[in-house]
N, C-alpha and C. Protein backbone atom coordinates (compact mmCIF):
# COMPACT_ATOMS: atom_id res chain seq x y z
N UNK A 1 -11.01 6.00 -20.29
CA UNK A 1 -9.73 5.46 -20.41
C UNK A 1 -9.16 5.13 -19.09
N UNK A 2 -8.59 3.85 -19.13
CA UNK A 2 -8.18 3.26 -17.84
C UNK A 2 -6.72 3.98 -17.51
N UNK A 3 -6.43 4.15 -16.29
CA UNK A 3 -5.08 4.69 -15.93
C UNK A 3 -3.90 3.55 -16.02
N UNK A 4 -2.70 4.17 -16.08
CA UNK A 4 -1.54 3.22 -16.03
C UNK A 4 -1.56 2.37 -15.07
N UNK A 5 -2.08 2.77 -13.84
CA UNK A 5 -2.22 1.75 -12.60
C UNK A 5 -3.17 0.55 -12.95
N UNK A 6 -4.34 0.94 -13.48
CA UNK A 6 -5.19 -0.06 -13.92
C UNK A 6 -4.76 -1.12 -14.77
N UNK A 7 -4.19 -0.65 -15.84
CA UNK A 7 -3.75 -1.60 -16.81
C UNK A 7 -2.51 -2.28 -16.28
N UNK A 8 -1.58 -1.72 -15.40
CA UNK A 8 -0.57 -2.43 -15.00
C UNK A 8 -0.90 -3.50 -14.06
N UNK A 9 -1.99 -3.27 -13.08
CA UNK A 9 -2.42 -4.15 -12.28
C UNK A 9 -3.07 -5.24 -12.82
N UNK A 10 -3.94 -5.06 -14.00
CA UNK A 10 -4.51 -6.12 -14.61
C UNK A 10 -3.51 -6.89 -15.25
N UNK A 11 -2.54 -6.36 -16.01
CA UNK A 11 -1.41 -7.30 -16.87
C UNK A 11 -0.65 -7.94 -15.82
N UNK A 12 -0.27 -7.44 -14.65
CA UNK A 12 0.65 -8.19 -13.80
C UNK A 12 -0.17 -9.31 -13.06
N UNK A 13 -1.39 -8.97 -12.68
CA UNK A 13 -2.20 -10.06 -12.03
C UNK A 13 -2.39 -11.18 -13.08
N UNK A 14 -2.79 -10.90 -14.31
CA UNK A 14 -2.84 -11.99 -15.41
C UNK A 14 -1.65 -12.83 -15.65
N UNK A 15 -0.48 -12.12 -15.88
CA UNK A 15 0.78 -12.68 -16.00
C UNK A 15 1.24 -13.61 -14.91
N UNK A 16 0.68 -13.25 -13.68
CA UNK A 16 0.91 -14.32 -12.55
C UNK A 16 -0.14 -15.23 -12.21
N UNK A 17 -1.26 -15.24 -13.20
CA UNK A 17 -2.26 -16.20 -13.18
C UNK A 17 -3.09 -16.14 -11.78
N UNK A 18 -3.15 -14.90 -11.31
CA UNK A 18 -3.87 -14.78 -10.09
C UNK A 18 -5.28 -14.23 -10.29
N UNK A 19 -6.27 -14.73 -9.58
CA UNK A 19 -7.63 -14.33 -9.70
C UNK A 19 -7.77 -12.84 -8.84
N UNK A 20 -8.58 -12.11 -9.08
CA UNK A 20 -8.85 -10.91 -8.43
C UNK A 20 -8.92 -11.34 -6.81
N UNK A 21 -9.80 -12.26 -6.49
CA UNK A 21 -10.13 -12.87 -5.12
C UNK A 21 -8.69 -13.23 -4.54
N UNK A 22 -8.00 -13.85 -5.21
CA UNK A 22 -6.59 -14.43 -4.48
C UNK A 22 -5.61 -13.23 -4.50
N UNK A 23 -5.63 -12.27 -5.41
CA UNK A 23 -4.85 -11.16 -5.06
C UNK A 23 -5.24 -10.36 -4.00
N UNK A 24 -6.59 -10.14 -4.00
CA UNK A 24 -7.06 -9.36 -2.79
C UNK A 24 -6.75 -10.02 -1.43
N UNK A 25 -6.84 -11.43 -1.37
CA UNK A 25 -6.49 -11.89 -0.05
C UNK A 25 -4.95 -11.74 0.25
N UNK A 26 -4.17 -11.96 -0.80
CA UNK A 26 -2.76 -11.71 -0.59
C UNK A 26 -2.31 -10.36 -0.04
N UNK A 27 -3.17 -9.24 -0.70
CA UNK A 27 -2.91 -7.83 -0.32
C UNK A 27 -3.62 -7.41 0.87
N UNK A 28 -4.44 -8.11 1.43
CA UNK A 28 -5.35 -7.63 2.40
C UNK A 28 -6.37 -6.44 2.11
N UNK A 29 -6.90 -6.75 0.90
CA UNK A 29 -7.93 -5.74 0.53
C UNK A 29 -9.18 -6.53 -0.02
N UNK A 30 -10.30 -5.89 -0.28
CA UNK A 30 -11.50 -6.45 -0.82
C UNK A 30 -11.21 -6.81 -2.37
N UNK A 31 -11.98 -7.90 -2.71
CA UNK A 31 -11.80 -8.14 -4.14
C UNK A 31 -12.61 -7.06 -5.07
N UNK A 32 -13.50 -6.51 -4.40
CA UNK A 32 -14.13 -5.39 -5.23
C UNK A 32 -13.19 -4.14 -5.41
N UNK A 33 -12.25 -3.95 -4.42
CA UNK A 33 -11.34 -3.01 -4.68
C UNK A 33 -10.36 -3.13 -5.94
N UNK A 34 -9.93 -4.46 -5.99
CA UNK A 34 -9.28 -4.87 -7.20
C UNK A 34 -9.97 -4.67 -8.51
N UNK A 35 -11.31 -5.10 -8.42
CA UNK A 35 -11.96 -4.88 -9.61
C UNK A 35 -12.33 -3.37 -10.03
N UNK A 36 -12.56 -2.59 -8.95
CA UNK A 36 -12.73 -1.24 -9.17
C UNK A 36 -11.44 -0.55 -9.64
N UNK A 37 -10.24 -0.99 -9.16
CA UNK A 37 -8.87 -0.36 -9.62
C UNK A 37 -8.71 -0.74 -11.14
N UNK A 38 -9.04 -1.99 -11.27
CA UNK A 38 -8.52 -2.47 -12.89
C UNK A 38 -9.53 -1.98 -13.73
N UNK A 39 -10.74 -1.50 -13.38
CA UNK A 39 -11.70 -1.03 -14.27
C UNK A 39 -11.67 0.61 -14.49
N UNK A 40 -10.90 1.12 -13.47
CA UNK A 40 -10.63 2.62 -13.61
C UNK A 40 -11.75 3.42 -12.84
N UNK A 41 -12.26 2.64 -11.94
CA UNK A 41 -13.45 3.34 -11.07
C UNK A 41 -12.93 3.73 -9.72
N UNK A 42 -11.65 3.54 -9.32
CA UNK A 42 -11.12 3.78 -8.06
C UNK A 42 -9.73 4.01 -8.06
N UNK A 43 -9.21 5.13 -7.44
CA UNK A 43 -7.68 5.49 -7.52
C UNK A 43 -7.42 5.00 -5.84
N UNK A 44 -6.59 3.94 -5.75
CA UNK A 44 -6.16 3.74 -4.49
C UNK A 44 -5.28 4.82 -3.52
N UNK A 45 -5.41 4.50 -2.31
CA UNK A 45 -4.29 5.36 -1.56
C UNK A 45 -2.99 4.61 -1.70
N UNK A 46 -1.88 5.34 -1.29
CA UNK A 46 -0.68 4.86 -1.41
C UNK A 46 -0.36 3.52 -0.69
N UNK A 47 -0.92 3.23 0.68
CA UNK A 47 -0.87 2.12 1.37
C UNK A 47 -1.59 0.91 0.81
N UNK A 48 -2.46 1.30 -0.12
CA UNK A 48 -3.21 -0.02 -1.06
C UNK A 48 -2.16 -0.32 -2.05
N UNK A 49 -1.53 0.70 -2.87
CA UNK A 49 -0.60 0.45 -3.78
C UNK A 49 0.64 -0.27 -3.18
N UNK A 50 1.23 0.01 -2.03
CA UNK A 50 2.10 -0.77 -1.34
C UNK A 50 1.75 -2.09 -1.21
N UNK A 51 0.44 -2.30 -0.64
CA UNK A 51 0.14 -3.80 -0.32
C UNK A 51 -0.05 -4.66 -1.63
N UNK A 52 -0.57 -4.01 -2.73
CA UNK A 52 -0.68 -4.82 -3.87
C UNK A 52 0.76 -5.07 -4.40
N UNK A 53 1.64 -4.15 -4.47
CA UNK A 53 3.05 -4.38 -4.97
C UNK A 53 3.83 -5.45 -4.15
N UNK A 54 3.63 -5.43 -3.01
CA UNK A 54 4.13 -6.56 -2.00
C UNK A 54 3.45 -7.92 -2.38
N UNK A 55 2.19 -7.93 -2.67
CA UNK A 55 1.54 -9.12 -3.02
C UNK A 55 2.13 -9.73 -4.29
N UNK A 56 2.38 -8.77 -5.35
CA UNK A 56 2.91 -9.11 -6.53
C UNK A 56 4.41 -9.31 -6.62
N UNK A 57 5.14 -8.93 -5.53
CA UNK A 57 6.46 -9.28 -5.51
C UNK A 57 7.27 -8.13 -6.34
N UNK A 58 6.68 -6.88 -6.37
CA UNK A 58 7.40 -5.79 -7.18
C UNK A 58 7.51 -4.50 -6.52
N UNK A 59 8.22 -3.71 -7.00
CA UNK A 59 8.27 -2.17 -6.25
C UNK A 59 7.05 -1.53 -6.60
N UNK A 60 6.58 -0.68 -5.45
CA UNK A 60 5.35 0.17 -5.77
C UNK A 60 5.42 0.84 -7.01
N UNK A 61 6.70 1.43 -7.37
CA UNK A 61 6.68 2.12 -8.63
C UNK A 61 6.58 1.40 -9.87
N UNK A 62 6.76 0.07 -9.75
CA UNK A 62 6.59 -0.65 -11.03
C UNK A 62 5.12 -0.78 -11.27
N UNK A 63 4.20 -0.57 -10.44
CA UNK A 63 2.68 -0.30 -10.65
C UNK A 63 2.39 0.86 -11.36
N UNK A 64 3.25 1.89 -11.33
CA UNK A 64 2.71 3.27 -11.73
C UNK A 64 3.46 3.56 -13.02
N UNK A 65 4.27 2.77 -13.64
CA UNK A 65 5.02 3.14 -14.80
C UNK A 65 4.64 2.06 -16.00
N UNK A 66 4.60 2.62 -17.22
CA UNK A 66 4.18 1.93 -18.47
C UNK A 66 5.30 0.83 -18.76
């Protein structure tokens, strides 16, 4: 079962029509990191959550709630 973070990241990325590669570039992380988070194989550190939220234009807490 995927985490709330995994589902939210996928949903927000898709809603903004961003590829994993482009979101990774915006957030300054590797594309494989995005893939692993979305598939529930990786729990990112807080700094990665902050980078992703900034890239998506949302608050970090918005990535963690349903």
